[in-house]
Amino acid sequence: MYRRDYLMRMIEQFTVSMGQVMFQRQNRRFAEAMELLTQAMKQLLGLNSKMVRALSVKDIITLLSTNGHFDAGKGLLLSDMLVAEGDVLNDAEQEEEASTCLVKALELLLNIRRMEDAEHGMTDVDERIAAVLPKAQNIRMTPFMMEVLIEYHDTAGQLSKAEDMLFFMLDDDPGNTTAIEQGIAMVERWIKLSPEDIEKGNLSTEEIQESYHVLIKKKQSTN
């Protein structure tokens, strides 16, 4: 009960801060908006904005963990703050800094999605991923990010996007036998889907069959 109440208070405080940030953005007071976000990050998470941008996601997860247990609530709030910073920086035409924030937010969310207890808050995580992905279309994905995004798109029924991400991954690493095997298993599952679900996923049965044969050939060439 205490933990839930504590998290709710943090969310309420964050909501108030975001309202103030939005007001400053609308008035094109970007420095003031960034200062509000910096203060909110220190107050709610005890983290410095510049430090967060400099740290790896692995280090951030360590900072938000106690006795090996990651505070997912704080992690989601931090991702929201990073996205908000990215939006302000984009408004201020500081694209490189904005990209740093958005990539960090996306990578953090993808790490949270992979955690053992993430299934309890998977909807919250996936909603945030869906919101930040269009803002981070031009970023260079790491193999880990591509791997989790394949799972994300597959789970969401976005078959064509999962397929695209799989082949992007294999273009970067053609000999990735694990990705090939997982891709084959995924496509074999798709073959059994109803025509309606395949169409919703923006693919056709013929395209799935073609992808399956390409993956089988890739598997044979690596043996």
C-alpha atoms as a PDB file:
ATOM      1  CA  MET A   1       0.000   0.000   0.000  1.00  0.00           C
ATOM      2  CA  TYR A   2       2.779   2.452   0.958  1.00  0.00           C
ATOM      3  CA  ARG A   3       4.673   1.671  -2.237  1.00  0.00           C
ATOM      4  CA  ARG A   4       1.604   2.297  -4.387  1.00  0.00           C
ATOM      5  CA  ASP A   5       0.761   5.563  -2.598  1.00  0.00           C
ATOM      6  CA  TYR A   6       4.364   6.729  -2.979  1.00  0.00           C
ATOM      7  CA  LEU A   7       4.291   6.029  -6.710  1.00  0.00           C
ATOM      8  CA  MET A   8       0.946   7.794  -7.112  1.00  0.00           C
ATOM      9  CA  ARG A   9       2.334  10.903  -5.398  1.00  0.00           C
ATOM     10  CA  MET A  10       5.318  10.855  -7.762  1.00  0.00           C
ATOM     11  CA  ILE A  11       3.003  10.597 -10.763  1.00  0.00           C
ATOM     12  CA  GLU A  12       0.863  13.474  -9.479  1.00  0.00           C
ATOM     13  CA  GLN A  13       3.942  15.654  -8.973  1.00  0.00           C
ATOM     14  CA  PHE A  14       5.193  14.744 -12.437  1.00  0.00           C
ATOM     15  CA  THR A  15       1.826  15.597 -13.986  1.00  0.00           C
ATOM     16  CA  VAL A  16       1.925  19.049 -12.373  1.00  0.00           C
ATOM     17  CA  SER A  17       5.486  19.590 -13.625  1.00  0.00           C
ATOM     18  CA  MET A  18       4.516  18.508 -17.146  1.00  0.00           C
ATOM     19  CA  GLY A  19       1.702  21.046 -17.180  1.00  0.00           C
ATOM     20  CA  GLN A  20       4.204  23.765 -16.333  1.00  0.00           C
ATOM     21  CA  VAL A  21       6.628  22.485 -18.976  1.00  0.00           C
ATOM     22  CA  MET A  22       3.891  22.513 -21.616  1.00  0.00           C
ATOM     23  CA  PHE A  23       3.038  26.118 -20.740  1.00  0.00           C
ATOM     24  CA  GLN A  24       6.663  27.141 -21.192  1.00  0.00           C
ATOM     25  CA  ARG A  25       6.902  25.230 -24.498  1.00  0.00           C
ATOM     26  CA  GLN A  26       3.806  26.940 -25.840  1.00  0.00           C
ATOM     27  CA  ASN A  27       5.412  30.268 -25.028  1.00  0.00           C
ATOM     28  CA  ARG A  28       8.704  29.103 -26.567  1.00  0.00           C
ATOM     29  CA  ARG A  29      10.555  29.502 -23.286  1.00  0.00           C
ATOM     30  CA  PHE A  30      12.684  26.433 -23.846  1.00  0.00           C
ATOM     31  CA  ALA A  31      15.360  27.169 -21.260  1.00  0.00           C
ATOM     32  CA  GLU A  32      12.680  27.565 -18.597  1.00  0.00           C
ATOM     33  CA  ALA A  33      11.019  24.310 -19.710  1.00  0.00           C
ATOM     34  CA  MET A  34      14.326  22.446 -19.465  1.00  0.00           C
ATOM     35  CA  GLU A  35      14.989  23.880 -16.005  1.00  0.00           C
ATOM     36  CA  LEU A  36      11.575  22.656 -14.833  1.00  0.00           C
ATOM     37  CA  LEU A  37      12.347  19.171 -16.121  1.00  0.00           C
ATOM     38  CA  THR A  38      15.767  19.211 -14.478  1.00  0.00           C
ATOM     39  CA  GLN A  39      14.223  20.191 -11.154  1.00  0.00           C
ATOM     40  CA  ALA A  40      11.526  17.519 -11.476  1.00  0.00           C
ATOM     41  CA  MET A  41      14.122  14.852 -12.215  1.00  0.00           C
ATOM     42  CA  LYS A  42      16.147  15.832  -9.134  1.00  0.00           C
ATOM     43  CA  GLN A  43      13.069  16.049  -6.905  1.00  0.00           C
ATOM     44  CA  LEU A  44      11.375  12.836  -7.988  1.00  0.00           C
ATOM     45  CA  LEU A  45      14.326  10.618  -8.856  1.00  0.00           C
ATOM     46  CA  GLY A  46      17.343  12.267  -7.251  1.00  0.00           C
ATOM     47  CA  LEU A  47      19.099  12.295 -10.612  1.00  0.00           C
ATOM     48  CA  ASN A  48      20.821  15.055 -12.525  1.00  0.00           C
ATOM     49  CA  SER A  49      19.623  15.486 -16.097  1.00  0.00           C
ATOM     50  CA  LYS A  50      23.092  15.901 -17.618  1.00  0.00           C
ATOM     51  CA  MET A  51      24.340  12.888 -15.683  1.00  0.00           C
ATOM     52  CA  VAL A  52      21.450  10.751 -16.958  1.00  0.00           C
ATOM     53  CA  ARG A  53      22.283  11.671 -20.544  1.00  0.00           C
ATOM     54  CA  ALA A  54      25.951  10.790 -19.971  1.00  0.00           C
ATOM     55  CA  LEU A  55      25.314   7.450 -18.252  1.00  0.00           C
ATOM     56  CA  SER A  56      24.641   4.177 -20.016  1.00  0.00           C
ATOM     57  CA  VAL A  57      21.191   2.634 -19.587  1.00  0.00           C
ATOM     58  CA  LYS A  58      22.840  -0.198 -17.666  1.00  0.00           C
ATOM     59  CA  ASP A  59      24.225   2.328 -15.163  1.00  0.00           C
ATOM     60  CA  ILE A  60      20.847   4.077 -14.909  1.00  0.00           C
ATOM     61  CA  ILE A  61      19.162   0.779 -14.091  1.00  0.00           C
ATOM     62  CA  THR A  62      21.750   0.211 -11.365  1.00  0.00           C
ATOM     63  CA  LEU A  63      21.071   3.681  -9.919  1.00  0.00           C
ATOM     64  CA  LEU A  64      17.335   2.979  -9.821  1.00  0.00           C
ATOM     65  CA  SER A  65      17.790  -0.403  -8.161  1.00  0.00           C
ATOM     66  CA  THR A  66      17.821  -1.292  -4.466  1.00  0.00           C
ATOM     67  CA  ASN A  67      19.274  -4.627  -3.344  1.00  0.00           C
ATOM     68  CA  GLY A  68      19.196  -5.786  -6.937  1.00  0.00           C
ATOM     69  CA  HIS A  69      15.534  -4.880  -7.428  1.00  0.00           C
ATOM     70  CA  PHE A  70      14.837  -2.331 -10.158  1.00  0.00           C
ATOM     71  CA  ASP A  71      12.224   0.339  -9.390  1.00  0.00           C
ATOM     72  CA  ALA A  72      10.110   0.052 -12.550  1.00  0.00           C
ATOM     73  CA  GLY A  73       7.873   2.950 -11.502  1.00  0.00           C
ATOM     74  CA  LYS A  74      10.837   5.301 -11.363  1.00  0.00           C
ATOM     75  CA  GLY A  75      12.146   3.828 -14.599  1.00  0.00           C
ATOM     76  CA  LEU A  76       8.913   4.648 -16.415  1.00  0.00           C
ATOM     77  CA  LEU A  77       8.862   8.165 -14.951  1.00  0.00           C
ATOM     78  CA  LEU A  78      12.444   8.697 -16.078  1.00  0.00           C
ATOM     79  CA  SER A  79      11.566   7.556 -19.595  1.00  0.00           C
ATOM     80  CA  ASP A  80       8.699  10.081 -19.609  1.00  0.00           C
ATOM     81  CA  MET A  81      11.067  12.849 -18.515  1.00  0.00           C
ATOM     82  CA  LEU A  82      13.620  11.944 -21.175  1.00  0.00           C
ATOM     83  CA  VAL A  83      10.933  12.031 -23.853  1.00  0.00           C
ATOM     84  CA  ALA A  84       9.724  15.397 -22.537  1.00  0.00           C
ATOM     85  CA  GLU A  85      13.295  16.720 -22.683  1.00  0.00           C
ATOM     86  CA  GLY A  86      13.617  15.405 -26.228  1.00  0.00           C
ATOM     87  CA  ASP A  87      10.418  17.214 -27.243  1.00  0.00           C
ATOM     88  CA  VAL A  88      11.614  20.508 -25.740  1.00  0.00           C
ATOM     89  CA  LEU A  89      15.031  20.187 -27.372  1.00  0.00           C
ATOM     90  CA  ASN A  90      13.432  19.426 -30.741  1.00  0.00           C
ATOM     91  CA  ASP A  91      11.264  22.530 -30.362  1.00  0.00           C
ATOM     92  CA  ALA A  92      14.463  24.473 -29.664  1.00  0.00           C
ATOM     93  CA  GLU A  93      16.018  22.941 -32.826  1.00  0.00           C
ATOM     94  CA  GLN A  94      18.688  21.105 -30.836  1.00  0.00           C
ATOM     95  CA  GLU A  95      18.195  17.869 -32.764  1.00  0.00           C
ATOM     96  CA  GLU A  96      21.359  16.064 -31.650  1.00  0.00           C
ATOM     97  CA  GLU A  97      20.637  16.562 -27.948  1.00  0.00           C
ATOM     98  CA  ALA A  98      16.978  15.669 -28.531  1.00  0.00           C
ATOM     99  CA  SER A  99      18.004  12.432 -30.232  1.00  0.00           C
ATOM    100  CA  THR A 100      20.211  11.521 -27.251  1.00  0.00           C
ATOM    101  CA  CYS A 101      17.237  11.856 -24.885  1.00  0.00           C
ATOM    102  CA  LEU A 102      14.833   9.917 -27.120  1.00  0.00           C
ATOM    103  CA  VAL A 103      17.302   7.079 -27.752  1.00  0.00           C
ATOM    104  CA  LYS A 104      17.976   6.825 -24.011  1.00  0.00           C
ATOM    105  CA  ALA A 105      14.230   6.711 -23.281  1.00  0.00           C
ATOM    106  CA  LEU A 106      13.611   4.020 -25.875  1.00  0.00           C
ATOM    107  CA  GLU A 107      16.574   1.904 -24.768  1.00  0.00           C
ATOM    108  CA  LEU A 108      15.445   2.179 -21.127  1.00  0.00           C
ATOM    109  CA  LEU A 109      11.902   1.095 -22.026  1.00  0.00           C
ATOM    110  CA  LEU A 110      13.185  -1.858 -24.058  1.00  0.00           C
ATOM    111  CA  ASN A 111      15.337  -2.952 -21.121  1.00  0.00           C
ATOM    112  CA  ILE A 112      12.354  -2.688 -18.770  1.00  0.00           C
ATOM    113  CA  ARG A 113      10.296  -4.769 -21.211  1.00  0.00           C
ATOM    114  CA  ARG A 114      12.831  -7.575 -20.961  1.00  0.00           C
ATOM    115  CA  MET A 115      12.861  -7.698 -17.155  1.00  0.00           C
ATOM    116  CA  GLU A 116      11.366 -10.735 -15.416  1.00  0.00           C
ATOM    117  CA  ASP A 117       8.587  -8.828 -13.664  1.00  0.00           C
ATOM    118  CA  ALA A 118       7.829  -6.553 -16.626  1.00  0.00           C
ATOM    119  CA  GLU A 119       4.739  -8.557 -17.581  1.00  0.00           C
ATOM    120  CA  HIS A 120       2.883  -6.996 -14.657  1.00  0.00           C
ATOM    121  CA  GLY A 121       3.227  -3.556 -16.256  1.00  0.00           C
ATOM    122  CA  MET A 122       3.689  -4.564 -19.904  1.00  0.00           C
ATOM    123  CA  THR A 123       0.816  -2.369 -21.103  1.00  0.00           C
ATOM    124  CA  ASP A 124       2.400   0.739 -19.572  1.00  0.00           C
ATOM    125  CA  VAL A 125       5.749  -0.119 -21.147  1.00  0.00           C
ATOM    126  CA  ASP A 126       4.326  -0.918 -24.583  1.00  0.00           C
ATOM    127  CA  GLU A 127       2.224   2.247 -24.659  1.00  0.00           C
ATOM    128  CA  ARG A 128       5.339   4.303 -24.024  1.00  0.00           C
ATOM    129  CA  ILE A 129       7.332   2.426 -26.660  1.00  0.00           C
ATOM    130  CA  ALA A 130       4.557   3.066 -29.196  1.00  0.00           C
ATOM    131  CA  ALA A 131       4.652   6.782 -28.349  1.00  0.00           C
ATOM    132  CA  VAL A 132       8.423   7.230 -28.560  1.00  0.00           C
ATOM    133  CA  LEU A 133       9.144   5.086 -31.645  1.00  0.00           C
ATOM    134  CA  PRO A 134       7.820   7.612 -34.214  1.00  0.00           C
ATOM    135  CA  LYS A 135      10.026  10.270 -32.607  1.00  0.00           C
ATOM    136  CA  ALA A 136      13.130   8.100 -32.897  1.00  0.00           C
ATOM    137  CA  GLN A 137      12.751   6.750 -36.433  1.00  0.00           C
ATOM    138  CA  ASN A 138      16.172   7.829 -37.669  1.00  0.00           C
ATOM    139  CA  ILE A 139      18.262   6.476 -34.809  1.00  0.00           C
ATOM    140  CA  ARG A 140      20.790   3.696 -35.170  1.00  0.00           C
ATOM    141  CA  MET A 141      19.455   0.639 -33.328  1.00  0.00           C
ATOM    142  CA  THR A 142      21.747  -1.630 -31.322  1.00  0.00           C
ATOM    143  CA  PRO A 143      21.335  -5.413 -31.784  1.00  0.00           C
ATOM    144  CA  PHE A 144      19.646  -5.591 -28.377  1.00  0.00           C
ATOM    145  CA  MET A 145      17.145  -2.865 -29.300  1.00  0.00           C
ATOM    146  CA  MET A 146      16.312  -4.566 -32.597  1.00  0.00           C
ATOM    147  CA  GLU A 147      15.858  -7.919 -30.845  1.00  0.00           C
ATOM    148  CA  VAL A 148      13.385  -6.511 -28.322  1.00  0.00           C
ATOM    149  CA  LEU A 149      11.571  -4.481 -30.981  1.00  0.00           C
ATOM    150  CA  ILE A 150      11.021  -7.634 -33.004  1.00  0.00           C
ATOM    151  CA  GLU A 151       9.281  -9.105 -29.955  1.00  0.00           C
ATOM    152  CA  TYR A 152       7.363  -5.876 -29.375  1.00  0.00           C
ATOM    153  CA  HIS A 153       6.029  -5.638 -32.932  1.00  0.00           C
ATOM    154  CA  ASP A 154       5.267  -9.362 -33.020  1.00  0.00           C
ATOM    155  CA  THR A 155       3.305  -9.168 -29.751  1.00  0.00           C
ATOM    156  CA  ALA A 156       1.385  -6.145 -31.063  1.00  0.00           C
ATOM    157  CA  GLY A 157       0.429  -8.017 -34.241  1.00  0.00           C
ATOM    158  CA  GLN A 158       2.540  -5.653 -36.356  1.00  0.00           C
ATOM    159  CA  LEU A 159       3.901  -8.435 -38.524  1.00  0.00           C
ATOM    160  CA  SER A 160       5.437  -6.330 -41.298  1.00  0.00           C
ATOM    161  CA  LYS A 161       7.313  -4.168 -38.775  1.00  0.00           C
ATOM    162  CA  ALA A 162       8.593  -7.259 -36.940  1.00  0.00           C
ATOM    163  CA  GLU A 163       9.699  -8.720 -40.256  1.00  0.00           C
ATOM    164  CA  ASP A 164      11.444  -5.485 -41.283  1.00  0.00           C
ATOM    165  CA  MET A 165      13.284  -5.291 -37.963  1.00  0.00           C
ATOM    166  CA  LEU A 166      14.357  -8.938 -38.248  1.00  0.00           C
ATOM    167  CA  PHE A 167      15.873  -8.398 -41.688  1.00  0.00           C
ATOM    168  CA  PHE A 168      17.507  -5.112 -40.620  1.00  0.00           C
ATOM    169  CA  MET A 169      19.140  -7.138 -37.859  1.00  0.00           C
ATOM    170  CA  LEU A 170      20.281  -9.833 -40.311  1.00  0.00           C
ATOM    171  CA  ASP A 171      21.587  -7.218 -42.755  1.00  0.00           C
ATOM    172  CA  ASP A 172      23.886  -5.997 -39.975  1.00  0.00           C
ATOM    173  CA  ASP A 173      24.783  -9.507 -38.837  1.00  0.00           C
ATOM    174  CA  PRO A 174      24.083 -12.074 -41.601  1.00  0.00           C
ATOM    175  CA  GLY A 175      25.573 -14.948 -39.607  1.00  0.00           C
ATOM    176  CA  ASN A 176      23.395 -14.431 -36.526  1.00  0.00           C
ATOM    177  CA  THR A 177      22.120 -17.993 -36.198  1.00  0.00           C
ATOM    178  CA  THR A 178      20.086 -17.214 -33.081  1.00  0.00           C
ATOM    179  CA  ALA A 179      18.161 -14.460 -34.904  1.00  0.00           C
ATOM    180  CA  ILE A 180      17.641 -16.758 -37.894  1.00  0.00           C
ATOM    181  CA  GLU A 181      16.269 -19.565 -35.719  1.00  0.00           C
ATOM    182  CA  GLN A 182      13.999 -17.193 -33.805  1.00  0.00           C
ATOM    183  CA  GLY A 183      12.859 -15.639 -37.070  1.00  0.00           C
ATOM    184  CA  ILE A 184      11.972 -19.038 -38.504  1.00  0.00           C
ATOM    185  CA  ALA A 185       9.966 -19.920 -35.382  1.00  0.00           C
ATOM    186  CA  MET A 186       8.162 -16.565 -35.546  1.00  0.00           C
ATOM    187  CA  VAL A 187       7.296 -16.896 -39.241  1.00  0.00           C
ATOM    188  CA  GLU A 188       6.165 -20.506 -38.778  1.00  0.00           C
ATOM    189  CA  ARG A 189       3.733 -19.209 -36.163  1.00  0.00           C
ATOM    190  CA  TRP A 190       2.501 -16.514 -38.534  1.00  0.00           C
ATOM    191  CA  ILE A 191       1.754 -19.095 -41.222  1.00  0.00           C
ATOM    192  CA  LYS A 192      -0.880 -20.545 -38.882  1.00  0.00           C
ATOM    193  CA  LEU A 193      -2.609 -17.201 -38.315  1.00  0.00           C
ATOM    194  CA  SER A 194      -5.993 -16.414 -39.816  1.00  0.00           C
ATOM    195  CA  PRO A 195      -6.046 -14.419 -43.080  1.00  0.00           C
ATOM    196  CA  GLU A 196      -7.626 -11.546 -41.151  1.00  0.00           C
ATOM    197  CA  ASP A 197      -4.766 -11.392 -38.614  1.00  0.00           C
ATOM    198  CA  ILE A 198      -2.177 -11.604 -41.393  1.00  0.00           C
ATOM    199  CA  GLU A 199      -3.861  -8.747 -43.239  1.00  0.00           C
ATOM    200  CA  LYS A 200      -4.043  -6.678 -40.039  1.00  0.00           C
ATOM    201  CA  GLY A 201      -0.301  -7.204 -39.691  1.00  0.00           C
ATOM    202  CA  ASN A 202       0.142  -5.606 -43.139  1.00  0.00           C
ATOM    203  CA  LEU A 203       1.463  -8.768 -44.764  1.00  0.00           C
ATOM    204  CA  SER A 204       0.123 -11.444 -47.096  1.00  0.00           C
ATOM    205  CA  THR A 205       0.405 -15.217 -46.855  1.00  0.00           C
ATOM    206  CA  GLU A 206       2.657 -15.133 -49.923  1.00  0.00           C
ATOM    207  CA  GLU A 207       5.010 -12.613 -48.287  1.00  0.00           C
ATOM    208  CA  ILE A 208       5.216 -14.736 -45.147  1.00  0.00           C
ATOM    209  CA  GLN A 209       6.008 -17.836 -47.198  1.00  0.00           C
ATOM    210  CA  GLU A 210       8.682 -15.911 -49.086  1.00  0.00           C
ATOM    211  CA  SER A 211      10.270 -14.702 -45.826  1.00  0.00           C
ATOM    212  CA  TYR A 212      10.205 -18.263 -44.517  1.00  0.00           C
ATOM    213  CA  HIS A 213      12.107 -19.572 -47.547  1.00  0.00           C
ATOM    214  CA  VAL A 214      14.657 -16.743 -47.304  1.00  0.00           C
ATOM    215  CA  LEU A 215      15.274 -17.587 -43.640  1.00  0.00           C
ATOM    216  CA  ILE A 216      15.629 -21.299 -44.402  1.00  0.00           C
ATOM    217  CA  LYS A 217      18.234 -20.487 -47.051  1.00  0.00           C
ATOM    218  CA  LYS A 218      20.071 -18.261 -44.587  1.00  0.00           C
ATOM    219  CA  LYS A 219      20.054 -21.081 -42.051  1.00  0.00           C
ATOM    220  CA  GLN A 220      21.424 -23.548 -44.606  1.00  0.00           C
ATOM    221  CA  SER A 221      24.178 -21.151 -45.637  1.00  0.00           C
ATOM    222  CA  THR A 222      25.389 -20.804 -42.045  1.00  0.00           C
ATOM    223  CA  ASN A 223      25.604 -24.593 -41.455  1.00  0.00           C
END
